Amino acid sequence: MGLLNFNCIFPSCSFKCNNVEEEEFLKHLNEEHHKDMLDISKKENMSIKAVQMITVSNSIVFINSG
């Protein structure tokens, strides 16, 4: 997919990083927020992969360069 900008949506987190691969952000999610995502998946009756996908999608920041 290329390089993206991420701003983690978890309120207790200050992770912000520009020009990184999605895999780097996934590593952050799994290391820092696995329990949070597991709690959400149980509460919302969703798979943890679905919660992860939504979290990634909501954390991508698009910068208007025009």
N, C-alpha and C. Protein backbone atom coordinates (compact mmCIF):
# COMPACT_ATOMS: atom_id res chain seq x y z
N MET A 1 0.82 -1.20 0.00
CA MET A 1 0.00 0.00 0.00
C MET A 1 0.86 1.26 0.00
N GLY A 2 2.07 1.19 0.48
CA GLY A 2 2.92 2.37 0.53
C GLY A 2 3.00 2.94 1.92
N LEU A 3 3.54 4.15 2.00
CA LEU A 3 3.73 4.80 3.28
C LEU A 3 2.49 5.60 3.68
N LEU A 4 2.13 5.49 4.96
CA LEU A 4 0.93 6.14 5.47
C LEU A 4 1.26 6.94 6.73
N ASN A 5 0.32 7.78 7.12
CA ASN A 5 0.43 8.55 8.35
C ASN A 5 -0.59 8.01 9.34
N PHE A 6 -0.16 7.75 10.58
CA PHE A 6 -1.04 7.17 11.58
C PHE A 6 -1.09 8.03 12.83
N ASN A 7 -2.28 8.11 13.40
CA ASN A 7 -2.52 8.77 14.68
C ASN A 7 -3.41 7.79 15.46
N CYS A 8 -2.84 7.07 16.40
CA CYS A 8 -3.56 6.01 17.10
C CYS A 8 -4.80 6.57 17.78
N ILE A 9 -5.94 5.87 17.60
CA ILE A 9 -7.22 6.38 18.11
C ILE A 9 -7.48 6.05 19.57
N PHE A 10 -6.65 5.22 20.19
CA PHE A 10 -6.88 4.92 21.60
C PHE A 10 -6.55 6.16 22.44
N PRO A 11 -7.49 6.59 23.28
CA PRO A 11 -7.34 7.85 24.04
C PRO A 11 -6.09 7.92 24.90
N SER A 12 -5.65 6.80 25.43
CA SER A 12 -4.49 6.81 26.32
C SER A 12 -3.16 6.77 25.56
N CYS A 13 -3.22 6.77 24.24
CA CYS A 13 -2.02 6.59 23.42
C CYS A 13 -1.64 7.87 22.69
N SER A 14 -0.35 8.12 22.61
CA SER A 14 0.13 9.30 21.91
C SER A 14 0.89 8.94 20.63
N PHE A 15 0.71 7.70 20.13
CA PHE A 15 1.42 7.26 18.93
C PHE A 15 0.97 8.07 17.72
N LYS A 16 1.91 8.77 17.14
CA LYS A 16 1.69 9.48 15.88
C LYS A 16 2.95 9.26 15.05
N CYS A 17 2.76 8.80 13.83
CA CYS A 17 3.92 8.54 13.00
C CYS A 17 3.57 8.76 11.54
N ASN A 18 4.42 9.44 10.83
CA ASN A 18 4.22 9.72 9.41
C ASN A 18 5.15 8.86 8.56
N ASN A 19 4.67 8.55 7.37
CA ASN A 19 5.47 7.84 6.37
C ASN A 19 5.98 6.49 6.86
N VAL A 20 5.04 5.66 7.37
CA VAL A 20 5.40 4.32 7.80
C VAL A 20 4.51 3.31 7.08
N GLU A 21 4.98 2.09 7.01
CA GLU A 21 4.20 1.00 6.44
C GLU A 21 3.09 0.62 7.43
N GLU A 22 1.99 0.11 6.90
CA GLU A 22 0.89 -0.34 7.76
C GLU A 22 1.36 -1.40 8.75
N GLU A 23 2.31 -2.25 8.34
CA GLU A 23 2.81 -3.32 9.21
C GLU A 23 3.43 -2.75 10.48
N GLU A 24 4.08 -1.59 10.39
CA GLU A 24 4.68 -0.98 11.58
C GLU A 24 3.59 -0.55 12.56
N PHE A 25 2.49 0.00 12.05
CA PHE A 25 1.39 0.38 12.93
C PHE A 25 0.71 -0.86 13.51
N LEU A 26 0.58 -1.92 12.72
CA LEU A 26 0.01 -3.17 13.23
C LEU A 26 0.86 -3.72 14.36
N LYS A 27 2.16 -3.60 14.24
CA LYS A 27 3.06 -4.04 15.31
C LYS A 27 2.77 -3.24 16.58
N HIS A 28 2.61 -1.91 16.43
CA HIS A 28 2.27 -1.06 17.58
C HIS A 28 0.96 -1.52 18.22
N LEU A 29 -0.07 -1.75 17.40
CA LEU A 29 -1.37 -2.18 17.94
C LEU A 29 -1.24 -3.48 18.71
N ASN A 30 -0.55 -4.43 18.15
CA ASN A 30 -0.43 -5.74 18.80
C ASN A 30 0.41 -5.69 20.07
N GLU A 31 1.43 -4.83 20.10
CA GLU A 31 2.28 -4.73 21.28
C GLU A 31 1.64 -3.90 22.38
N GLU A 32 0.95 -2.82 22.00
CA GLU A 32 0.45 -1.87 22.99
C GLU A 32 -1.04 -1.99 23.29
N HIS A 33 -1.83 -2.50 22.35
CA HIS A 33 -3.29 -2.44 22.50
C HIS A 33 -4.00 -3.77 22.30
N HIS A 34 -3.26 -4.86 22.40
CA HIS A 34 -3.90 -6.17 22.18
C HIS A 34 -5.06 -6.39 23.15
N LYS A 35 -4.84 -6.08 24.43
CA LYS A 35 -5.90 -6.27 25.43
C LYS A 35 -7.09 -5.36 25.13
N ASP A 36 -6.83 -4.12 24.75
CA ASP A 36 -7.92 -3.19 24.40
C ASP A 36 -8.75 -3.75 23.25
N MET A 37 -8.07 -4.23 22.21
CA MET A 37 -8.78 -4.76 21.05
C MET A 37 -9.53 -6.04 21.40
N LEU A 38 -8.95 -6.87 22.27
CA LEU A 38 -9.62 -8.09 22.71
C LEU A 38 -10.90 -7.75 23.49
N ASP A 39 -10.80 -6.75 24.37
CA ASP A 39 -11.98 -6.31 25.13
C ASP A 39 -13.08 -5.81 24.20
N ILE A 40 -12.70 -5.03 23.20
CA ILE A 40 -13.68 -4.51 22.23
C ILE A 40 -14.31 -5.67 21.45
N SER A 41 -13.49 -6.61 21.04
CA SER A 41 -14.03 -7.73 20.25
C SER A 41 -15.05 -8.54 21.05
N LYS A 42 -14.79 -8.72 22.34
CA LYS A 42 -15.74 -9.45 23.18
C LYS A 42 -17.01 -8.62 23.40
N LYS A 43 -16.83 -7.35 23.70
CA LYS A 43 -17.97 -6.47 23.98
C LYS A 43 -18.88 -6.33 22.76
N GLU A 44 -18.29 -6.19 21.58
CA GLU A 44 -19.05 -5.95 20.36
C GLU A 44 -19.35 -7.23 19.57
N ASN A 45 -18.89 -8.37 20.11
CA ASN A 45 -19.09 -9.66 19.45
C ASN A 45 -18.54 -9.66 18.01
N MET A 46 -17.31 -9.21 17.91
CA MET A 46 -16.60 -9.13 16.62
C MET A 46 -15.29 -9.90 16.75
N SER A 47 -14.76 -10.32 15.62
CA SER A 47 -13.45 -10.96 15.66
C SER A 47 -12.40 -9.89 15.96
N ILE A 48 -11.30 -10.32 16.55
CA ILE A 48 -10.23 -9.36 16.86
C ILE A 48 -9.64 -8.79 15.57
N LYS A 49 -9.65 -9.58 14.50
CA LYS A 49 -9.14 -9.09 13.20
C LYS A 49 -10.02 -7.95 12.68
N ALA A 50 -11.34 -8.06 12.87
CA ALA A 50 -12.25 -6.99 12.44
C ALA A 50 -12.00 -5.73 13.25
N VAL A 51 -11.80 -5.87 14.55
CA VAL A 51 -11.50 -4.72 15.41
C VAL A 51 -10.18 -4.09 14.98
N GLN A 52 -9.20 -4.92 14.69
CA GLN A 52 -7.90 -4.42 14.23
C GLN A 52 -8.04 -3.65 12.92
N MET A 53 -8.82 -4.19 11.98
CA MET A 53 -9.01 -3.55 10.69
C MET A 53 -9.69 -2.18 10.86
N ILE A 54 -10.70 -2.11 11.70
CA ILE A 54 -11.40 -0.84 11.95
C ILE A 54 -10.47 0.16 12.63
N THR A 55 -9.67 -0.32 13.58
CA THR A 55 -8.73 0.56 14.29
C THR A 55 -7.71 1.14 13.32
N VAL A 56 -7.17 0.30 12.45
CA VAL A 56 -6.21 0.78 11.45
C VAL A 56 -6.87 1.83 10.56
N SER A 57 -8.05 1.50 10.06
CA SER A 57 -8.77 2.42 9.17
C SER A 57 -9.03 3.77 9.84
N ASN A 58 -9.43 3.74 11.08
CA ASN A 58 -9.75 4.99 11.79
C ASN A 58 -8.51 5.75 12.26
N SER A 59 -7.35 5.11 12.22
CA SER A 59 -6.12 5.76 12.65
C SER A 59 -5.32 6.37 11.52
N ILE A 60 -5.69 6.08 10.28
CA ILE A 60 -4.97 6.64 9.15
C ILE A 60 -5.34 8.13 9.02
N VAL A 61 -4.32 8.94 8.87
CA VAL A 61 -4.50 10.38 8.71
C VAL A 61 -4.11 10.75 7.28
N PHE A 62 -5.05 11.39 6.61
CA PHE A 62 -4.78 11.85 5.25
C PHE A 62 -4.41 13.33 5.31
N ILE A 63 -3.27 13.67 4.74
CA ILE A 63 -2.80 15.05 4.75
C ILE A 63 -3.00 15.62 3.36
N ASN A 64 -3.73 16.71 3.29
CA ASN A 64 -3.97 17.38 2.01
C ASN A 64 -2.72 18.14 1.61
N SER A 65 -2.09 17.70 0.55
CA SER A 65 -0.85 18.34 0.11
C SER A 65 -1.11 19.39 -0.98
N GLY A 66 -2.38 19.64 -1.28
CA GLY A 66 -2.71 20.60 -2.33
C GLY A 66 -2.97 21.90 -1.77
